[in-house]
Amino acid sequence: LGGNGGNGGKGGRGGIIEIYVAPDAEKYLAQLNINNSGGAGGKAGKA
């Protein structure tokens, strides 16, 4: 019989982000565009 393909591994979780902002820069926080995403899942192995 042919062997089964292995499963892809799960992607890792996004991180923790801490933003320390000075008082005179608070109104400019909109200039930070943050994308905090998880990793893609691994591809499946072929049979």
All heavy atoms as atom14 arrays in JSON, in Angstrom:
{
  "sequence": "LGGNGGNGGKGGRGGIIEIYVAPDAEKYLAQLNINNSGGAGGKAGKA",
  "atom14_mask": [
    [1, 1, 1, 1, 1, 1, 1, 1, 0, 0, 0, 0, 0, 0],
    [1, 1, 1, 1, 0, 0, 0, 0, 0, 0, 0, 0, 0, 0],
    [1, 1, 1, 1, 0, 0, 0, 0, 0, 0, 0, 0, 0, 0],
    [1, 1, 1, 1, 1, 1, 1, 1, 0, 0, 0, 0, 0, 0],
    [1, 1, 1, 1, 0, 0, 0, 0, 0, 0, 0, 0, 0, 0],
    [1, 1, 1, 1, 0, 0, 0, 0, 0, 0, 0, 0, 0, 0],
    [1, 1, 1, 1, 1, 1, 1, 1, 0, 0, 0, 0, 0, 0],
    [1, 1, 1, 1, 0, 0, 0, 0, 0, 0, 0, 0, 0, 0],
    [1, 1, 1, 1, 0, 0, 0, 0, 0, 0, 0, 0, 0, 0],
    [1, 1, 1, 1, 1, 1, 1, 1, 1, 0, 0, 0, 0, 0],
    [1, 1, 1, 1, 0, 0, 0, 0, 0, 0, 0, 0, 0, 0],
    [1, 1, 1, 1, 0, 0, 0, 0, 0, 0, 0, 0, 0, 0],
    [1, 1, 1, 1, 1, 1, 1, 1, 1, 1, 1, 0, 0, 0],
    [1, 1, 1, 1, 0, 0, 0, 0, 0, 0, 0, 0, 0, 0],
    [1, 1, 1, 1, 0, 0, 0, 0, 0, 0, 0, 0, 0, 0],
    [1, 1, 1, 1, 1, 1, 1, 1, 0, 0, 0, 0, 0, 0],
    [1, 1, 1, 1, 1, 1, 1, 1, 0, 0, 0, 0, 0, 0],
    [1, 1, 1, 1, 1, 1, 1, 1, 1, 0, 0, 0, 0, 0],
    [1, 1, 1, 1, 1, 1, 1, 1, 0, 0, 0, 0, 0, 0],
    [1, 1, 1, 1, 1, 1, 1, 1, 1, 1, 1, 1, 0, 0],
    [1, 1, 1, 1, 1, 1, 1, 0, 0, 0, 0, 0, 0, 0],
    [1, 1, 1, 1, 1, 0, 0, 0, 0, 0, 0, 0, 0, 0],
    [1, 1, 1, 1, 1, 1, 1, 0, 0, 0, 0, 0, 0, 0],
    [1, 1, 1, 1, 1, 1, 1, 1, 0, 0, 0, 0, 0, 0],
    [1, 1, 1, 1, 1, 0, 0, 0, 0, 0, 0, 0, 0, 0],
    [1, 1, 1, 1, 1, 1, 1, 1, 1, 0, 0, 0, 0, 0],
    [1, 1, 1, 1, 1, 1, 1, 1, 1, 0, 0, 0, 0, 0],
    [1, 1, 1, 1, 1, 1, 1, 1, 1, 1, 1, 1, 0, 0],
    [1, 1, 1, 1, 1, 1, 1, 1, 0, 0, 0, 0, 0, 0],
    [1, 1, 1, 1, 1, 0, 0, 0, 0, 0, 0, 0, 0, 0],
    [1, 1, 1, 1, 1, 1, 1, 1, 1, 0, 0, 0, 0, 0],
    [1, 1, 1, 1, 1, 1, 1, 1, 0, 0, 0, 0, 0, 0],
    [1, 1, 1, 1, 1, 1, 1, 1, 0, 0, 0, 0, 0, 0],
    [1, 1, 1, 1, 1, 1, 1, 1, 0, 0, 0, 0, 0, 0],
    [1, 1, 1, 1, 1, 1, 1, 1, 0, 0, 0, 0, 0, 0],
    [1, 1, 1, 1, 1, 1, 1, 1, 0, 0, 0, 0, 0, 0],
    [1, 1, 1, 1, 1, 1, 0, 0, 0, 0, 0, 0, 0, 0],
    [1, 1, 1, 1, 0, 0, 0, 0, 0, 0, 0, 0, 0, 0],
    [1, 1, 1, 1, 0, 0, 0, 0, 0, 0, 0, 0, 0, 0],
    [1, 1, 1, 1, 1, 0, 0, 0, 0, 0, 0, 0, 0, 0],
    [1, 1, 1, 1, 0, 0, 0, 0, 0, 0, 0, 0, 0, 0],
    [1, 1, 1, 1, 0, 0, 0, 0, 0, 0, 0, 0, 0, 0],
    [1, 1, 1, 1, 1, 1, 1, 1, 1, 0, 0, 0, 0, 0],
    [1, 1, 1, 1, 1, 0, 0, 0, 0, 0, 0, 0, 0, 0],
    [1, 1, 1, 1, 0, 0, 0, 0, 0, 0, 0, 0, 0, 0],
    [1, 1, 1, 1, 1, 1, 1, 1, 1, 0, 0, 0, 0, 0],
    [1, 1, 1, 1, 1, 0, 0, 0, 0, 0, 0, 0, 0, 0]
  ],
  "atom14_positions": [
    [[0.84, -1.21, 0.0], [0.0, 0.0, 0.0], [0.87, 1.25, 0.0], [1.98, 1.26, 0.57], [-0.91, 0.02, 1.23], [-1.92, -1.12, 1.37], [-2.59, -1.05, 2.75], [-2.96, -1.02, 0.26], [0.0, 0.0, 0.0], [0.0, 0.0, 0.0], [0.0, 0.0, 0.0], [0.0, 0.0, 0.0], [0.0, 0.0, 0.0], [0.0, 0.0, 0.0]],
    [[0.34, 2.33, -0.61], [1.04, 3.6, -0.53], [0.93, 4.21, 0.85], [-0.08, 4.04, 1.54], [0.0, 0.0, 0.0], [0.0, 0.0, 0.0], [0.0, 0.0, 0.0], [0.0, 0.0, 0.0], [0.0, 0.0, 0.0], [0.0, 0.0, 0.0], [0.0, 0.0, 0.0], [0.0, 0.0, 0.0], [0.0, 0.0, 0.0], [0.0, 0.0, 0.0]],
    [[1.94, 4.92, 1.29], [1.91, 5.56, 2.61], [1.07, 6.83, 2.59], [0.92, 7.51, 1.57], [0.0, 0.0, 0.0], [0.0, 0.0, 0.0], [0.0, 0.0, 0.0], [0.0, 0.0, 0.0], [0.0, 0.0, 0.0], [0.0, 0.0, 0.0], [0.0, 0.0, 0.0], [0.0, 0.0, 0.0], [0.0, 0.0, 0.0], [0.0, 0.0, 0.0]],
    [[0.51, 7.16, 3.74], [-0.28, 8.38, 3.86], [0.63, 9.61, 3.91], [1.73, 9.56, 4.47], [-1.13, 8.34, 5.13], [-2.17, 7.25, 5.09], [-2.68, 6.93, 4.02], [-2.47, 6.67, 6.25], [0.0, 0.0, 0.0], [0.0, 0.0, 0.0], [0.0, 0.0, 0.0], [0.0, 0.0, 0.0], [0.0, 0.0, 0.0], [0.0, 0.0, 0.0]],
    [[0.11, 10.75, 3.36], [0.85, 12.01, 3.46], [0.72, 12.6, 4.84], [-0.3, 12.41, 5.53], [0.0, 0.0, 0.0], [0.0, 0.0, 0.0], [0.0, 0.0, 0.0], [0.0, 0.0, 0.0], [0.0, 0.0, 0.0], [0.0, 0.0, 0.0], [0.0, 0.0, 0.0], [0.0, 0.0, 0.0], [0.0, 0.0, 0.0], [0.0, 0.0, 0.0]],
    [[1.73, 13.29, 5.29], [1.68, 13.93, 6.61], [0.85, 15.2, 6.58], [0.71, 15.86, 5.55], [0.0, 0.0, 0.0], [0.0, 0.0, 0.0], [0.0, 0.0, 0.0], [0.0, 0.0, 0.0], [0.0, 0.0, 0.0], [0.0, 0.0, 0.0], [0.0, 0.0, 0.0], [0.0, 0.0, 0.0], [0.0, 0.0, 0.0], [0.0, 0.0, 0.0]],
    [[0.29, 15.56, 7.72], [-0.49, 16.8, 7.84], [0.42, 18.0, 7.91], [1.54, 17.93, 8.43], [-1.37, 16.76, 9.09], [-2.4, 15.65, 9.04], [-2.8, 15.22, 7.96], [-2.82, 15.17, 10.21], [0.0, 0.0, 0.0], [0.0, 0.0, 0.0], [0.0, 0.0, 0.0], [0.0, 0.0, 0.0], [0.0, 0.0, 0.0], [0.0, 0.0, 0.0]],
    [[-0.08, 19.13, 7.41], [0.66, 20.38, 7.56], [0.6, 20.88, 8.98], [-0.39, 20.67, 9.69], [0.0, 0.0, 0.0], [0.0, 0.0, 0.0], [0.0, 0.0, 0.0], [0.0, 0.0, 0.0], [0.0, 0.0, 0.0], [0.0, 0.0, 0.0], [0.0, 0.0, 0.0], [0.0, 0.0, 0.0], [0.0, 0.0, 0.0], [0.0, 0.0, 0.0]],
    [[1.63, 21.55, 9.42], [1.65, 22.08, 10.78], [0.83, 23.36, 10.9], [0.67, 24.11, 9.94], [0.0, 0.0, 0.0], [0.0, 0.0, 0.0], [0.0, 0.0, 0.0], [0.0, 0.0, 0.0], [0.0, 0.0, 0.0], [0.0, 0.0, 0.0], [0.0, 0.0, 0.0], [0.0, 0.0, 0.0], [0.0, 0.0, 0.0], [0.0, 0.0, 0.0]],
    [[0.31, 23.6, 12.07], [-0.47, 24.81, 12.32], [0.44, 26.03, 12.35], [1.57, 25.97, 12.84], [-1.22, 24.69, 13.65], [-2.07, 25.91, 14.0], [-2.76, 25.75, 15.34], [-3.55, 27.0, 15.68], [-4.24, 26.9, 16.99], [0.0, 0.0, 0.0], [0.0, 0.0, 0.0], [0.0, 0.0, 0.0], [0.0, 0.0, 0.0], [0.0, 0.0, 0.0]],
    [[-0.06, 27.17, 11.83], [0.71, 28.41, 11.89], [0.79, 28.96, 13.28], [-0.09, 28.73, 14.13], [0.0, 0.0, 0.0], [0.0, 0.0, 0.0], [0.0, 0.0, 0.0], [0.0, 0.0, 0.0], [0.0, 0.0, 0.0], [0.0, 0.0, 0.0], [0.0, 0.0, 0.0], [0.0, 0.0, 0.0], [0.0, 0.0, 0.0], [0.0, 0.0, 0.0]],
    [[1.85, 29.7, 13.55], [2.02, 30.3, 14.87], [1.11, 31.5, 15.07], [0.63, 32.13, 14.13], [0.0, 0.0, 0.0], [0.0, 0.0, 0.0], [0.0, 0.0, 0.0], [0.0, 0.0, 0.0], [0.0, 0.0, 0.0], [0.0, 0.0, 0.0], [0.0, 0.0, 0.0], [0.0, 0.0, 0.0], [0.0, 0.0, 0.0], [0.0, 0.0, 0.0]],
    [[0.88, 31.85, 16.31], [0.0, 32.96, 16.68], [0.73, 34.29, 16.5], [1.95, 34.36, 16.55], [-0.43, 32.8, 18.14], [-1.53, 33.73, 18.62], [-1.98, 33.31, 20.02], [-3.11, 34.07, 20.5], [-3.02, 35.18, 21.21], [-1.83, 35.66, 21.57], [-4.12, 35.81, 21.62], [0.0, 0.0, 0.0], [0.0, 0.0, 0.0], [0.0, 0.0, 0.0]],
    [[-0.07, 35.36, 16.26], [0.5, 36.7, 16.2], [1.11, 37.1, 17.54], [0.88, 36.43, 18.56], [0.0, 0.0, 0.0], [0.0, 0.0, 0.0], [0.0, 0.0, 0.0], [0.0, 0.0, 0.0], [0.0, 0.0, 0.0], [0.0, 0.0, 0.0], [0.0, 0.0, 0.0], [0.0, 0.0, 0.0], [0.0, 0.0, 0.0], [0.0, 0.0, 0.0]],
    [[1.84, 38.18, 17.55], [2.58, 38.58, 18.75], [1.84, 39.54, 19.66], [0.67, 39.86, 19.45], [0.0, 0.0, 0.0], [0.0, 0.0, 0.0], [0.0, 0.0, 0.0], [0.0, 0.0, 0.0], [0.0, 0.0, 0.0], [0.0, 0.0, 0.0], [0.0, 0.0, 0.0], [0.0, 0.0, 0.0], [0.0, 0.0, 0.0], [0.0, 0.0, 0.0]],
    [[2.55, 39.98, 20.67], [2.07, 41.0, 21.61], [2.79, 42.3, 21.25], [4.02, 42.32, 21.09], [2.36, 40.62, 23.07], [1.74, 39.25, 23.4], [1.84, 41.69, 24.02], [0.24, 39.23, 23.32], [0.0, 0.0, 0.0], [0.0, 0.0, 0.0], [0.0, 0.0, 0.0], [0.0, 0.0, 0.0], [0.0, 0.0, 0.0], [0.0, 0.0, 0.0]],
    [[2.01, 43.39, 21.14], [2.61, 44.67, 20.77], [2.31, 45.69, 21.87], [1.16, 45.9, 22.25], [2.05, 45.18, 19.43], [2.3, 44.15, 18.32], [2.65, 46.52, 19.05], [1.68, 44.51, 16.99], [0.0, 0.0, 0.0], [0.0, 0.0, 0.0], [0.0, 0.0, 0.0], [0.0, 0.0, 0.0], [0.0, 0.0, 0.0], [0.0, 0.0, 0.0]],
    [[3.37, 46.31, 22.35], [3.26, 47.39, 23.33], [3.79, 48.67, 22.7], [4.93, 48.7, 22.2], [4.05, 47.06, 24.6], [3.53, 45.83, 25.34], [4.38, 45.48, 26.56], [5.48, 46.08, 26.71], [3.98, 44.62, 27.34], [0.0, 0.0, 0.0], [0.0, 0.0, 0.0], [0.0, 0.0, 0.0], [0.0, 0.0, 0.0], [0.0, 0.0, 0.0]],
    [[2.96, 49.72, 22.7], [3.37, 51.01, 22.13], [3.5, 52.01, 23.26], [2.53, 52.31, 23.97], [2.35, 51.5, 21.09], [2.2, 50.48, 19.96], [2.76, 52.85, 20.52], [1.16, 50.85, 18.92], [0.0, 0.0, 0.0], [0.0, 0.0, 0.0], [0.0, 0.0, 0.0], [0.0, 0.0, 0.0], [0.0, 0.0, 0.0], [0.0, 0.0, 0.0]],
    [[4.7, 52.54, 23.42], [4.97, 53.58, 24.4], [5.05, 54.91, 23.65], [5.9, 55.1, 22.79], [6.28, 53.31, 25.14], [6.27, 52.01, 25.91], [6.61, 50.8, 25.29], [5.92, 51.98, 27.26], [6.59, 49.6, 26.0], [5.91, 50.79, 27.97], [6.24, 49.6, 27.34], [6.23, 48.42, 28.04], [0.0, 0.0, 0.0], [0.0, 0.0, 0.0]],
    [[4.12, 55.82, 23.96], [4.02, 57.05, 23.19], [4.15, 58.26, 24.11], [3.55, 58.31, 25.19], [2.7, 57.1, 22.41], [1.5, 56.95, 23.32], [2.59, 58.36, 21.57], [0.0, 0.0, 0.0], [0.0, 0.0, 0.0], [0.0, 0.0, 0.0], [0.0, 0.0, 0.0], [0.0, 0.0, 0.0], [0.0, 0.0, 0.0], [0.0, 0.0, 0.0]],
    [[4.97, 59.22, 23.68], [5.13, 60.47, 24.43], [3.87, 61.32, 24.28], [3.17, 61.23, 23.26], [6.35, 61.23, 23.92], [0.0, 0.0, 0.0], [0.0, 0.0, 0.0], [0.0, 0.0, 0.0], [0.0, 0.0, 0.0], [0.0, 0.0, 0.0], [0.0, 0.0, 0.0], [0.0, 0.0, 0.0], [0.0, 0.0, 0.0], [0.0, 0.0, 0.0]],
    [[3.54, 62.14, 25.27], [2.3, 62.92, 25.23], [2.16, 63.78, 23.97], [1.07, 63.89, 23.42], [2.38, 63.78, 26.5], [3.24, 63.0, 27.43], [4.25, 62.31, 26.56], [0.0, 0.0, 0.0], [0.0, 0.0, 0.0], [0.0, 0.0, 0.0], [0.0, 0.0, 0.0], [0.0, 0.0, 0.0], [0.0, 0.0, 0.0], [0.0, 0.0, 0.0]],
    [[3.26, 64.4, 23.51], [3.15, 65.28, 22.35], [3.07, 64.51, 21.03], [2.92, 65.11, 19.96], [4.34, 66.26, 22.3], [5.69, 65.54, 22.35], [5.69, 64.29, 22.35], [6.72, 66.23, 22.37], [0.0, 0.0, 0.0], [0.0, 0.0, 0.0], [0.0, 0.0, 0.0], [0.0, 0.0, 0.0], [0.0, 0.0, 0.0], [0.0, 0.0, 0.0]],
    [[3.15, 63.19, 21.09], [3.06, 62.39, 19.87], [1.8, 61.54, 19.81], [1.57, 60.82, 18.83], [4.29, 61.48, 19.75], [0.0, 0.0, 0.0], [0.0, 0.0, 0.0], [0.0, 0.0, 0.0], [0.0, 0.0, 0.0], [0.0, 0.0, 0.0], [0.0, 0.0, 0.0], [0.0, 0.0, 0.0], [0.0, 0.0, 0.0], [0.0, 0.0, 0.0]],
    [[0.95, 61.64, 20.84], [-0.23, 60.78, 20.9], [-1.17, 60.98, 19.7], [-1.75, 60.03, 19.18], [-0.99, 61.03, 22.2], [-0.29, 60.46, 23.43], [-1.11, 60.69, 24.69], [-2.17, 61.36, 24.59], [-0.69, 60.22, 25.76], [0.0, 0.0, 0.0], [0.0, 0.0, 0.0], [0.0, 0.0, 0.0], [0.0, 0.0, 0.0], [0.0, 0.0, 0.0]],
    [[-1.31, 62.24, 19.26], [-2.25, 62.49, 18.16], [-1.76, 61.92, 16.84], [-2.52, 61.87, 15.87], [-2.52, 63.98, 18.03], [-1.33, 64.82, 17.59], [-1.75, 66.28, 17.48], [-0.62, 67.17, 16.99], [-1.04, 68.56, 16.86], [0.0, 0.0, 0.0], [0.0, 0.0, 0.0], [0.0, 0.0, 0.0], [0.0, 0.0, 0.0], [0.0, 0.0, 0.0]],
    [[-0.5, 61.47, 16.79], [0.04, 60.93, 15.54], [0.0, 59.39, 15.52], [0.58, 58.78, 14.63], [1.48, 61.4, 15.33], [1.6, 62.9, 15.22], [2.22, 63.64, 16.22], [1.1, 63.58, 14.12], [2.34, 65.02, 16.14], [1.2, 64.95, 14.02], [1.83, 65.67, 15.03], [1.93, 67.03, 14.93], [0.0, 0.0, 0.0], [0.0, 0.0, 0.0]],
    [[-0.68, 58.81, 16.49], [-0.76, 57.35, 16.52], [-1.39, 56.77, 15.26], [-1.13, 55.62, 14.88], [-1.55, 56.89, 17.75], [-0.77, 56.85, 19.07], [-1.72, 56.62, 20.23], [0.3, 55.77, 19.02], [0.0, 0.0, 0.0], [0.0, 0.0, 0.0], [0.0, 0.0, 0.0], [0.0, 0.0, 0.0], [0.0, 0.0, 0.0], [0.0, 0.0, 0.0]],
    [[-2.25, 57.56, 14.6], [-2.88, 57.08, 13.37], [-1.87, 56.81, 12.26], [-2.19, 56.14, 11.28], [-3.91, 58.09, 12.89], [0.0, 0.0, 0.0], [0.0, 0.0, 0.0], [0.0, 0.0, 0.0], [0.0, 0.0, 0.0], [0.0, 0.0, 0.0], [0.0, 0.0, 0.0], [0.0, 0.0, 0.0], [0.0, 0.0, 0.0], [0.0, 0.0, 0.0]],
    [[-0.66, 57.31, 12.42], [0.37, 57.07, 11.4], [1.01, 55.69, 11.55], [1.82, 55.29, 10.71], [1.45, 58.16, 11.47], [0.94, 59.5, 10.98], [2.02, 60.56, 10.97], [1.87, 61.61, 11.6], [3.11, 60.33, 10.27], [0.0, 0.0, 0.0], [0.0, 0.0, 0.0], [0.0, 0.0, 0.0], [0.0, 0.0, 0.0], [0.0, 0.0, 0.0]],
    [[0.64, 54.97, 12.6], [1.1, 53.59, 12.75], [0.0, 52.65, 12.25], [-1.1, 52.64, 12.8], [1.43, 53.28, 14.22], [2.52, 54.12, 14.88], [2.73, 53.67, 16.32], [3.83, 54.05, 14.1], [0.0, 0.0, 0.0], [0.0, 0.0, 0.0], [0.0, 0.0, 0.0], [0.0, 0.0, 0.0], [0.0, 0.0, 0.0], [0.0, 0.0, 0.0]],
    [[0.3, 51.92, 11.23], [-0.65, 50.93, 10.69], [-0.12, 49.54, 11.03], [0.93, 49.13, 10.52], [-0.79, 51.11, 9.18], [-1.77, 50.14, 8.58], [-2.8, 49.84, 9.17], [-1.44, 49.6, 7.42], [0.0, 0.0, 0.0], [0.0, 0.0, 0.0], [0.0, 0.0, 0.0], [0.0, 0.0, 0.0], [0.0, 0.0, 0.0], [0.0, 0.0, 0.0]],
    [[-0.84, 48.81, 11.88], [-0.31, 47.56, 12.43], [-1.11, 46.37, 11.91], [-2.33, 46.35, 11.95], [-0.35, 47.6, 13.97], [0.54, 48.75, 14.48], [0.1, 46.27, 14.55], [0.47, 48.95, 15.97], [0.0, 0.0, 0.0], [0.0, 0.0, 0.0], [0.0, 0.0, 0.0], [0.0, 0.0, 0.0], [0.0, 0.0, 0.0], [0.0, 0.0, 0.0]],
    [[-0.38, 45.38, 11.43], [-0.97, 44.1, 10.99], [-0.33, 43.0, 11.83], [0.84, 42.65, 11.63], [-0.71, 43.9, 9.5], [-1.4, 42.66, 8.95], [-1.81, 41.8, 9.71], [-1.51, 42.58, 7.65], [0.0, 0.0, 0.0], [0.0, 0.0, 0.0], [0.0, 0.0, 0.0], [0.0, 0.0, 0.0], [0.0, 0.0, 0.0], [0.0, 0.0, 0.0]],
    [[-1.1, 42.45, 12.75], [-0.59, 41.45, 13.68], [-1.3, 40.13, 13.39], [-2.38, 39.86, 13.91], [-0.84, 41.91, 15.11], [-0.2, 41.01, 16.14], [0.52, 40.07, 15.8], [-0.46, 41.27, 17.41], [0.0, 0.0, 0.0], [0.0, 0.0, 0.0], [0.0, 0.0, 0.0], [0.0, 0.0, 0.0], [0.0, 0.0, 0.0], [0.0, 0.0, 0.0]],
    [[-0.72, 39.31, 12.53], [-1.43, 38.14, 12.03], [-0.73, 36.84, 12.42], [0.47, 36.81, 12.75], [-1.55, 38.2, 10.5], [-0.27, 38.14, 9.91], [0.0, 0.0, 0.0], [0.0, 0.0, 0.0], [0.0, 0.0, 0.0], [0.0, 0.0, 0.0], [0.0, 0.0, 0.0], [0.0, 0.0, 0.0], [0.0, 0.0, 0.0], [0.0, 0.0, 0.0]],
    [[-1.51, 35.77, 12.34], [-0.96, 34.44, 12.56], [-0.28, 33.92, 11.3], [-0.49, 34.42, 10.19], [0.0, 0.0, 0.0], [0.0, 0.0, 0.0], [0.0, 0.0, 0.0], [0.0, 0.0, 0.0], [0.0, 0.0, 0.0], [0.0, 0.0, 0.0], [0.0, 0.0, 0.0], [0.0, 0.0, 0.0], [0.0, 0.0, 0.0], [0.0, 0.0, 0.0]],
    [[0.55, 32.9, 11.47], [1.24, 32.29, 10.34], [0.33, 31.39, 9.53], [-0.68, 30.88, 10.03], [0.0, 0.0, 0.0], [0.0, 0.0, 0.0], [0.0, 0.0, 0.0], [0.0, 0.0, 0.0], [0.0, 0.0, 0.0], [0.0, 0.0, 0.0], [0.0, 0.0, 0.0], [0.0, 0.0, 0.0], [0.0, 0.0, 0.0], [0.0, 0.0, 0.0]],
    [[0.71, 31.18, 8.28], [-0.08, 30.3, 7.42], [0.11, 28.84, 7.83], [1.18, 28.45, 8.33], [0.34, 30.5, 5.97], [0.0, 0.0, 0.0], [0.0, 0.0, 0.0], [0.0, 0.0, 0.0], [0.0, 0.0, 0.0], [0.0, 0.0, 0.0], [0.0, 0.0, 0.0], [0.0, 0.0, 0.0], [0.0, 0.0, 0.0], [0.0, 0.0, 0.0]],
    [[-0.92, 28.05, 7.65], [-0.81, 26.63, 7.92], [0.08, 25.94, 6.89], [0.17, 26.36, 5.73], [0.0, 0.0, 0.0], [0.0, 0.0, 0.0], [0.0, 0.0, 0.0], [0.0, 0.0, 0.0], [0.0, 0.0, 0.0], [0.0, 0.0, 0.0], [0.0, 0.0, 0.0], [0.0, 0.0, 0.0], [0.0, 0.0, 0.0], [0.0, 0.0, 0.0]],
    [[0.76, 24.87, 7.3], [1.64, 24.14, 6.39], [0.86, 23.37, 5.33], [-0.29, 22.96, 5.55], [0.0, 0.0, 0.0], [0.0, 0.0, 0.0], [0.0, 0.0, 0.0], [0.0, 0.0, 0.0], [0.0, 0.0, 0.0], [0.0, 0.0, 0.0], [0.0, 0.0, 0.0], [0.0, 0.0, 0.0], [0.0, 0.0, 0.0], [0.0, 0.0, 0.0]],
    [[1.47, 23.17, 4.2], [0.83, 22.4, 3.14], [0.78, 20.92, 3.51], [1.62, 20.42, 4.25], [1.6, 22.6, 1.83], [1.57, 24.04, 1.32], [2.33, 24.16, 0.01], [2.3, 25.59, -0.51], [3.07, 25.72, -1.79], [0.0, 0.0, 0.0], [0.0, 0.0, 0.0], [0.0, 0.0, 0.0], [0.0, 0.0, 0.0], [0.0, 0.0, 0.0]],
    [[-0.2, 20.26, 2.95], [-0.38, 18.84, 3.23], [0.59, 17.99, 2.41], [0.92, 18.34, 1.28], [-1.81, 18.42, 2.94], [0.0, 0.0, 0.0], [0.0, 0.0, 0.0], [0.0, 0.0, 0.0], [0.0, 0.0, 0.0], [0.0, 0.0, 0.0], [0.0, 0.0, 0.0], [0.0, 0.0, 0.0], [0.0, 0.0, 0.0], [0.0, 0.0, 0.0]],
    [[1.04, 16.89, 2.99], [1.86, 15.95, 2.24], [1.03, 15.12, 1.28], [-0.15, 14.83, 1.54], [0.0, 0.0, 0.0], [0.0, 0.0, 0.0], [0.0, 0.0, 0.0], [0.0, 0.0, 0.0], [0.0, 0.0, 0.0], [0.0, 0.0, 0.0], [0.0, 0.0, 0.0], [0.0, 0.0, 0.0], [0.0, 0.0, 0.0], [0.0, 0.0, 0.0]],
    [[1.63, 14.71, 0.19], [0.92, 13.93, -0.81], [0.97, 12.44, -0.48], [1.92, 11.95, 0.12], [1.52, 14.19, -2.19], [1.35, 15.63, -2.66], [1.95, 15.82, -4.05], [1.77, 17.26, -4.52], [2.36, 17.46, -5.88], [0.0, 0.0, 0.0], [0.0, 0.0, 0.0], [0.0, 0.0, 0.0], [0.0, 0.0, 0.0], [0.0, 0.0, 0.0]],
    [[-0.07, 11.76, -0.91], [-0.15, 10.32, -0.66], [0.88, 9.56, -1.5], [1.19, 9.95, -2.63], [-1.55, 9.82, -0.97], [0.0, 0.0, 0.0], [0.0, 0.0, 0.0], [0.0, 0.0, 0.0], [0.0, 0.0, 0.0], [0.0, 0.0, 0.0], [0.0, 0.0, 0.0], [0.0, 0.0, 0.0], [0.0, 0.0, 0.0], [0.0, 0.0, 0.0]]
  ]
}
